[in-house]
Amino acid sequence: MPRIRVGLLPSTSFMTGNLPVPKYADAEKTQFAVDRETGAKLFTVTVFLMEDDRAEAMKITVPETGLPNGLKPGMPVMPVELFATPWARIFNGQLSDGIAYRAERLDLVGGAAPTADAA
């Protein structure tokens, strides 16, 4: 699948909308999804992208090692190494498609806390 680097305007800002939610590799939620290269557990964080006169909710997958300590809803963050991957699948004869977002890490904006792997 092609990964596309996401370009951001200098005025773009992000705010967390929820606590990180673990991703699972199976429907029964018994097996954590992990990064293929590092083996780190993967989490999904809903963030609000704010740019000019618009705001958009987006879910970003981040490895556990890229989550800052003390991350809470409403905190300003900046995704680092943000990529988009288009996807499509047919389920029960219906086409579903979208864009999956992935970041190496989320940095806190205005007073960065160390990430879990830096502690």
N, C-alpha and C. Protein backbone atom coordinates (compact mmCIF):
# COMPACT_ATOMS: atom_id res chain seq x y z
N MET A 1 0.84 -1.18 0.00
CA MET A 1 0.00 0.00 0.00
C MET A 1 0.88 1.24 0.00
N PRO A 2 0.51 2.24 -0.79
CA PRO A 2 1.32 3.46 -0.81
C PRO A 2 1.09 4.29 0.45
N ARG A 3 2.20 4.71 1.04
CA ARG A 3 2.11 5.64 2.18
C ARG A 3 2.39 7.02 1.64
N ILE A 4 1.59 7.98 2.04
CA ILE A 4 1.72 9.35 1.56
C ILE A 4 2.03 10.24 2.76
N ARG A 5 3.14 10.96 2.69
CA ARG A 5 3.49 11.88 3.77
C ARG A 5 2.47 13.02 3.79
N VAL A 6 1.96 13.35 4.96
CA VAL A 6 0.97 14.41 5.09
C VAL A 6 1.70 15.73 5.32
N GLY A 7 1.46 16.68 4.44
CA GLY A 7 2.02 18.02 4.59
C GLY A 7 1.08 18.89 5.40
N LEU A 8 1.63 19.64 6.33
CA LEU A 8 0.82 20.48 7.20
C LEU A 8 1.20 21.94 7.01
N LEU A 9 0.20 22.81 7.08
CA LEU A 9 0.47 24.24 7.03
C LEU A 9 1.10 24.67 8.35
N PRO A 10 1.89 25.75 8.35
CA PRO A 10 2.46 26.24 9.61
C PRO A 10 1.39 26.60 10.64
N SER A 11 0.19 26.95 10.17
CA SER A 11 -0.88 27.34 11.08
C SER A 11 -1.70 26.15 11.58
N THR A 12 -1.43 24.94 11.11
CA THR A 12 -2.20 23.77 11.51
C THR A 12 -1.91 23.42 12.97
N SER A 13 -2.97 23.13 13.70
CA SER A 13 -2.78 22.68 15.08
C SER A 13 -3.66 21.46 15.32
N PHE A 14 -3.31 20.70 16.36
CA PHE A 14 -4.02 19.47 16.71
C PHE A 14 -4.32 19.49 18.21
N MET A 15 -5.47 18.89 18.57
CA MET A 15 -5.83 18.74 19.97
C MET A 15 -6.38 17.32 20.16
N THR A 16 -5.97 16.66 21.22
CA THR A 16 -6.45 15.30 21.47
C THR A 16 -7.92 15.32 21.86
N GLY A 17 -8.63 14.28 21.40
CA GLY A 17 -10.05 14.18 21.71
C GLY A 17 -10.38 13.06 22.67
N ASN A 18 -9.44 12.12 22.85
CA ASN A 18 -9.67 10.99 23.76
C ASN A 18 -8.34 10.44 24.26
N LEU A 19 -8.42 9.56 25.24
CA LEU A 19 -7.24 8.84 25.69
C LEU A 19 -6.88 7.82 24.62
N PRO A 20 -5.61 7.41 24.52
CA PRO A 20 -5.24 6.39 23.55
C PRO A 20 -6.02 5.08 23.77
N VAL A 21 -6.49 4.48 22.68
CA VAL A 21 -7.25 3.24 22.73
C VAL A 21 -6.40 2.14 22.08
N PRO A 22 -6.22 1.00 22.74
CA PRO A 22 -5.41 -0.07 22.14
C PRO A 22 -6.04 -0.57 20.84
N LYS A 23 -5.17 -0.90 19.88
CA LYS A 23 -5.63 -1.53 18.64
C LYS A 23 -5.45 -3.04 18.81
N TYR A 24 -6.38 -3.78 18.24
CA TYR A 24 -6.33 -5.24 18.34
C TYR A 24 -6.18 -5.84 16.95
N ALA A 25 -5.50 -6.98 16.89
CA ALA A 25 -5.26 -7.67 15.63
C ALA A 25 -6.37 -8.66 15.30
N ASP A 26 -7.29 -8.89 16.25
CA ASP A 26 -8.36 -9.85 16.02
C ASP A 26 -9.70 -9.28 16.51
N ALA A 27 -10.78 -9.81 15.96
CA ALA A 27 -12.12 -9.33 16.29
C ALA A 27 -12.49 -9.60 17.75
N GLU A 28 -11.92 -10.62 18.35
CA GLU A 28 -12.23 -10.98 19.74
C GLU A 28 -11.48 -10.10 20.74
N LYS A 29 -10.59 -9.25 20.24
CA LYS A 29 -9.80 -8.35 21.07
C LYS A 29 -8.98 -9.10 22.12
N THR A 30 -8.30 -10.16 21.66
CA THR A 30 -7.43 -10.91 22.55
C THR A 30 -5.95 -10.70 22.20
N GLN A 31 -5.68 -10.17 21.01
CA GLN A 31 -4.31 -10.01 20.53
C GLN A 31 -4.06 -8.55 20.17
N PHE A 32 -3.12 -7.89 20.84
CA PHE A 32 -2.79 -6.52 20.52
C PHE A 32 -2.18 -6.42 19.13
N ALA A 33 -2.52 -5.38 18.39
CA ALA A 33 -1.83 -5.07 17.14
C ALA A 33 -0.49 -4.46 17.52
N VAL A 34 0.56 -4.85 16.78
CA VAL A 34 1.90 -4.35 17.09
C VAL A 34 2.57 -3.82 15.83
N ASP A 35 3.52 -2.93 16.04
CA ASP A 35 4.32 -2.40 14.94
C ASP A 35 5.16 -3.53 14.37
N ARG A 36 5.15 -3.67 13.05
CA ARG A 36 5.87 -4.78 12.41
C ARG A 36 7.38 -4.69 12.61
N GLU A 37 7.90 -3.47 12.70
CA GLU A 37 9.35 -3.31 12.82
C GLU A 37 9.85 -3.36 14.26
N THR A 38 9.10 -2.73 15.18
CA THR A 38 9.61 -2.62 16.55
C THR A 38 8.92 -3.55 17.54
N GLY A 39 7.73 -4.05 17.20
CA GLY A 39 6.98 -4.88 18.13
C GLY A 39 6.22 -4.09 19.17
N ALA A 40 6.26 -2.73 19.10
CA ALA A 40 5.54 -1.90 20.08
C ALA A 40 4.03 -2.02 19.86
N LYS A 41 3.27 -2.04 20.96
CA LYS A 41 1.81 -2.06 20.86
C LYS A 41 1.34 -0.79 20.15
N LEU A 42 0.25 -0.93 19.36
CA LEU A 42 -0.31 0.21 18.64
C LEU A 42 -1.57 0.72 19.33
N PHE A 43 -1.72 2.04 19.32
CA PHE A 43 -2.87 2.69 19.91
C PHE A 43 -3.48 3.65 18.88
N THR A 44 -4.77 3.92 19.04
CA THR A 44 -5.45 4.91 18.21
C THR A 44 -5.81 6.10 19.09
N VAL A 45 -5.51 7.29 18.58
CA VAL A 45 -5.86 8.52 19.28
C VAL A 45 -6.69 9.38 18.33
N THR A 46 -7.87 9.79 18.77
CA THR A 46 -8.66 10.73 17.98
C THR A 46 -8.14 12.12 18.27
N VAL A 47 -7.82 12.85 17.22
CA VAL A 47 -7.36 14.23 17.36
C VAL A 47 -8.23 15.13 16.51
N PHE A 48 -8.27 16.39 16.86
CA PHE A 48 -8.95 17.39 16.06
C PHE A 48 -7.91 18.22 15.35
N LEU A 49 -7.92 18.16 14.02
CA LEU A 49 -7.04 18.97 13.20
C LEU A 49 -7.73 20.30 12.98
N MET A 50 -7.04 21.38 13.30
CA MET A 50 -7.61 22.72 13.12
C MET A 50 -6.72 23.50 12.17
N GLU A 51 -7.34 24.00 11.11
CA GLU A 51 -6.60 24.67 10.05
C GLU A 51 -7.46 25.78 9.48
N ASP A 52 -6.98 26.99 9.54
CA ASP A 52 -7.74 28.15 9.05
C ASP A 52 -9.12 28.17 9.69
N ASP A 53 -10.18 28.07 8.90
CA ASP A 53 -11.54 28.16 9.43
C ASP A 53 -12.24 26.82 9.54
N ARG A 54 -11.47 25.74 9.64
CA ARG A 54 -12.12 24.42 9.70
C ARG A 54 -11.47 23.54 10.76
N ALA A 55 -12.25 22.58 11.22
CA ALA A 55 -11.75 21.57 12.15
C ALA A 55 -12.25 20.23 11.68
N GLU A 56 -11.43 19.20 11.86
CA GLU A 56 -11.78 17.87 11.40
C GLU A 56 -11.27 16.85 12.39
N ALA A 57 -12.11 15.88 12.75
CA ALA A 57 -11.68 14.80 13.64
C ALA A 57 -10.99 13.75 12.79
N MET A 58 -9.88 13.23 13.28
CA MET A 58 -9.18 12.15 12.59
C MET A 58 -8.59 11.20 13.62
N LYS A 59 -8.53 9.92 13.25
CA LYS A 59 -7.93 8.92 14.12
C LYS A 59 -6.53 8.63 13.61
N ILE A 60 -5.57 8.68 14.52
CA ILE A 60 -4.18 8.44 14.17
C ILE A 60 -3.68 7.24 14.97
N THR A 61 -3.05 6.29 14.28
CA THR A 61 -2.42 5.16 14.95
C THR A 61 -1.00 5.56 15.34
N VAL A 62 -0.66 5.30 16.61
CA VAL A 62 0.65 5.68 17.15
C VAL A 62 1.17 4.51 17.98
N PRO A 63 2.46 4.16 17.84
CA PRO A 63 3.00 3.11 18.72
C PRO A 63 3.06 3.61 20.16
N GLU A 64 2.97 2.68 21.10
CA GLU A 64 3.00 3.03 22.53
C GLU A 64 4.22 3.87 22.87
N THR A 65 5.36 3.59 22.23
CA THR A 65 6.59 4.32 22.51
C THR A 65 6.53 5.76 22.02
N GLY A 66 5.53 6.11 21.19
CA GLY A 66 5.40 7.46 20.67
C GLY A 66 4.32 8.28 21.36
N LEU A 67 3.78 7.75 22.45
CA LEU A 67 2.75 8.48 23.21
C LEU A 67 3.39 9.22 24.38
N PRO A 68 3.16 10.53 24.48
CA PRO A 68 3.75 11.26 25.62
C PRO A 68 3.10 10.86 26.94
N ASN A 69 3.89 10.89 28.00
CA ASN A 69 3.36 10.61 29.33
C ASN A 69 2.32 11.65 29.70
N GLY A 70 1.25 11.21 30.35
CA GLY A 70 0.23 12.13 30.82
C GLY A 70 -0.71 12.65 29.75
N LEU A 71 -0.75 12.02 28.57
CA LEU A 71 -1.62 12.47 27.50
C LEU A 71 -3.08 12.37 27.91
N LYS A 72 -3.82 13.48 27.76
CA LYS A 72 -5.23 13.54 28.15
C LYS A 72 -6.01 14.25 27.05
N PRO A 73 -7.34 14.07 27.01
CA PRO A 73 -8.16 14.80 26.05
C PRO A 73 -8.00 16.31 26.23
N GLY A 74 -8.01 17.04 25.11
CA GLY A 74 -7.92 18.50 25.15
C GLY A 74 -6.51 19.04 25.11
N MET A 75 -5.50 18.16 25.08
CA MET A 75 -4.11 18.63 25.07
C MET A 75 -3.67 18.95 23.64
N PRO A 76 -2.94 20.07 23.46
CA PRO A 76 -2.40 20.36 22.13
C PRO A 76 -1.21 19.44 21.84
N VAL A 77 -1.25 18.82 20.66
CA VAL A 77 -0.19 17.90 20.24
C VAL A 77 0.21 18.19 18.80
N MET A 78 1.34 17.62 18.38
CA MET A 78 1.76 17.70 16.99
C MET A 78 2.22 16.30 16.56
N PRO A 79 1.54 15.70 15.57
CA PRO A 79 1.99 14.41 15.06
C PRO A 79 3.34 14.56 14.35
N VAL A 80 4.24 13.62 14.57
CA VAL A 80 5.56 13.62 13.94
C VAL A 80 5.60 12.44 12.96
N GLU A 81 6.12 12.72 11.76
CA GLU A 81 6.16 11.70 10.70
C GLU A 81 4.76 11.14 10.44
N LEU A 82 3.84 12.05 10.08
CA LEU A 82 2.44 11.67 9.82
C LEU A 82 2.30 11.20 8.38
N PHE A 83 1.74 10.00 8.21
CA PHE A 83 1.51 9.42 6.89
C PHE A 83 0.05 9.02 6.74
N ALA A 84 -0.44 9.08 5.51
CA ALA A 84 -1.79 8.63 5.18
C ALA A 84 -1.68 7.44 4.24
N THR A 85 -2.52 6.43 4.46
CA THR A 85 -2.56 5.27 3.58
C THR A 85 -4.01 5.05 3.15
N PRO A 86 -4.31 5.25 1.86
CA PRO A 86 -5.66 4.96 1.38
C PRO A 86 -5.94 3.46 1.46
N TRP A 87 -7.19 3.10 1.75
CA TRP A 87 -7.56 1.69 1.81
C TRP A 87 -8.95 1.51 1.22
N ALA A 88 -9.23 0.29 0.77
CA ALA A 88 -10.55 -0.07 0.27
C ALA A 88 -10.74 -1.57 0.45
N ARG A 89 -11.98 -1.97 0.74
CA ARG A 89 -12.28 -3.39 0.84
C ARG A 89 -13.76 -3.59 0.52
N ILE A 90 -14.09 -4.79 0.11
CA ILE A 90 -15.48 -5.15 -0.15
C ILE A 90 -15.90 -6.11 0.94
N PHE A 91 -16.98 -5.76 1.64
CA PHE A 91 -17.51 -6.58 2.72
C PHE A 91 -19.00 -6.73 2.49
N ASN A 92 -19.47 -7.96 2.41
CA ASN A 92 -20.88 -8.24 2.12
C ASN A 92 -21.36 -7.52 0.86
N GLY A 93 -20.50 -7.47 -0.14
CA GLY A 93 -20.87 -6.85 -1.41
C GLY A 93 -20.85 -5.33 -1.42
N GLN A 94 -20.46 -4.72 -0.32
CA GLN A 94 -20.43 -3.26 -0.23
C GLN A 94 -18.99 -2.78 -0.18
N LEU A 95 -18.69 -1.75 -0.95
CA LEU A 95 -17.36 -1.16 -0.94
C LEU A 95 -17.23 -0.20 0.24
N SER A 96 -16.18 -0.39 1.02
CA SER A 96 -15.83 0.55 2.09
C SER A 96 -14.45 1.08 1.74
N ASP A 97 -14.24 2.37 1.96
CA ASP A 97 -12.91 2.92 1.71
C ASP A 97 -12.66 4.07 2.66
N GLY A 98 -11.41 4.46 2.75
CA GLY A 98 -11.06 5.56 3.64
C GLY A 98 -9.56 5.79 3.62
N ILE A 99 -9.11 6.50 4.62
CA ILE A 99 -7.69 6.80 4.77
C ILE A 99 -7.28 6.46 6.19
N ALA A 100 -6.21 5.68 6.32
CA ALA A 100 -5.67 5.35 7.63
C ALA A 100 -4.48 6.28 7.89
N TYR A 101 -4.44 6.89 9.08
CA TYR A 101 -3.36 7.80 9.44
C TYR A 101 -2.45 7.12 10.45
N ARG A 102 -1.15 7.35 10.29
CA ARG A 102 -0.16 6.76 11.19
C ARG A 102 0.91 7.79 11.47
N ALA A 103 1.30 7.92 12.73
CA ALA A 103 2.37 8.84 13.12
C ALA A 103 3.41 8.07 13.93
N GLU A 104 4.65 8.51 13.82
CA GLU A 104 5.73 7.91 14.61
C GLU A 104 5.53 8.22 16.08
N ARG A 105 5.08 9.47 16.34
CA ARG A 105 4.83 9.86 17.73
C ARG A 105 3.96 11.12 17.76
N LEU A 106 3.43 11.42 18.95
CA LEU A 106 2.72 12.66 19.20
C LEU A 106 3.55 13.46 20.18
N ASP A 107 3.90 14.68 19.80
CA ASP A 107 4.63 15.56 20.72
C ASP A 107 3.64 16.52 21.36
N LEU A 108 3.79 16.75 22.67
CA LEU A 108 2.98 17.77 23.33
C LEU A 108 3.49 19.14 22.87
N VAL A 109 2.56 20.05 22.67
CA VAL A 109 2.91 21.40 22.23
C VAL A 109 2.84 22.32 23.44
N GLY A 110 3.92 23.11 23.64
CA GLY A 110 3.94 24.06 24.76
C GLY A 110 4.24 23.38 26.08
N GLY A 111 5.37 22.74 26.17
CA GLY A 111 5.76 22.06 27.41
C GLY A 111 5.78 20.57 27.21
N ALA A 112 6.66 20.09 26.36
CA ALA A 112 6.70 18.68 26.01
C ALA A 112 7.09 17.80 27.19
N ALA A 113 6.35 16.74 27.36
CA ALA A 113 6.70 15.72 28.36
C ALA A 113 7.48 14.63 27.64
N PRO A 114 8.32 13.90 28.35
CA PRO A 114 9.06 12.82 27.68
C PRO A 114 8.12 11.71 27.24
N THR A 115 8.45 11.03 26.14
CA THR A 115 7.65 9.88 25.71
C THR A 115 8.00 8.69 26.58
N ALA A 116 7.19 7.66 26.49
CA ALA A 116 7.35 6.49 27.35
C ALA A 116 8.75 5.86 27.20
N ASP A 117 9.29 5.87 25.99
CA ASP A 117 10.59 5.23 25.80
C ASP A 117 11.77 6.09 26.26
N ALA A 118 11.52 7.37 26.53
CA ALA A 118 12.58 8.27 26.98
C ALA A 118 12.68 8.33 28.50
N ALA A 119 11.71 7.74 29.16
CA ALA A 119 11.68 7.80 30.62
C ALA A 119 12.64 6.82 31.26
